Amino acid sequence: MPNRVIPAQAGIQTLIYQEYLKIAAIPTLWIPACAERTV
């Protein structure tokens, strides 16, 4: 069986997706905390 090779494009897309998740996760974590303090 030949070794599986991950295409460079797939690796780049994975990195972009991970960065997007980080950016998307930060507001979700911070907004509820700020909202509780202001109420």
Protein backbone atom coordinates (compact mmCIF):
# COMPACT_ATOMS: atom_id res chain seq x y z
CA MET A 1 0.00 0.00 0.00
CA PRO A 2 1.41 3.41 -0.91
CA ASN A 3 1.71 5.96 1.85
CA ARG A 4 -1.07 8.51 1.95
CA VAL A 5 0.15 11.97 1.06
CA ILE A 6 -1.86 14.98 2.18
CA PRO A 7 -1.95 17.58 -0.62
CA ALA A 8 -0.48 20.95 0.29
CA GLN A 9 -3.79 22.61 -0.62
CA ALA A 10 -5.67 20.45 1.89
CA GLY A 11 -3.13 21.36 4.59
CA ILE A 12 -3.53 25.07 3.87
CA GLN A 13 -7.33 24.81 3.93
CA THR A 14 -7.10 23.05 7.31
CA LEU A 15 -4.96 25.84 8.72
CA ILE A 16 -7.38 28.49 7.42
CA TYR A 17 -10.31 26.56 8.90
CA GLN A 18 -8.57 26.32 12.28
CA GLU A 19 -7.87 30.06 12.26
CA TYR A 20 -11.51 30.73 11.36
CA LEU A 21 -12.64 28.57 14.28
CA LYS A 22 -10.38 30.52 16.66
CA ILE A 23 -11.76 33.84 15.40
CA ALA A 24 -15.33 32.54 15.61
CA ALA A 25 -14.84 31.02 19.07
CA ILE A 26 -13.40 34.12 20.76
CA PRO A 27 -16.57 36.30 20.53
CA THR A 28 -18.71 33.37 21.67
CA LEU A 29 -16.62 33.06 24.82
CA TRP A 30 -16.34 36.77 25.59
CA ILE A 31 -19.80 38.16 24.75
CA PRO A 32 -21.70 36.17 27.46
CA ALA A 33 -19.10 37.15 30.08
CA CYS A 34 -19.39 40.85 29.19
CA ALA A 35 -23.19 40.65 29.05
CA GLU A 36 -23.39 39.17 32.55
CA ARG A 37 -21.28 41.99 33.96
CA THR A 38 -23.32 44.74 32.35
CA VAL A 39 -26.68 43.37 33.44
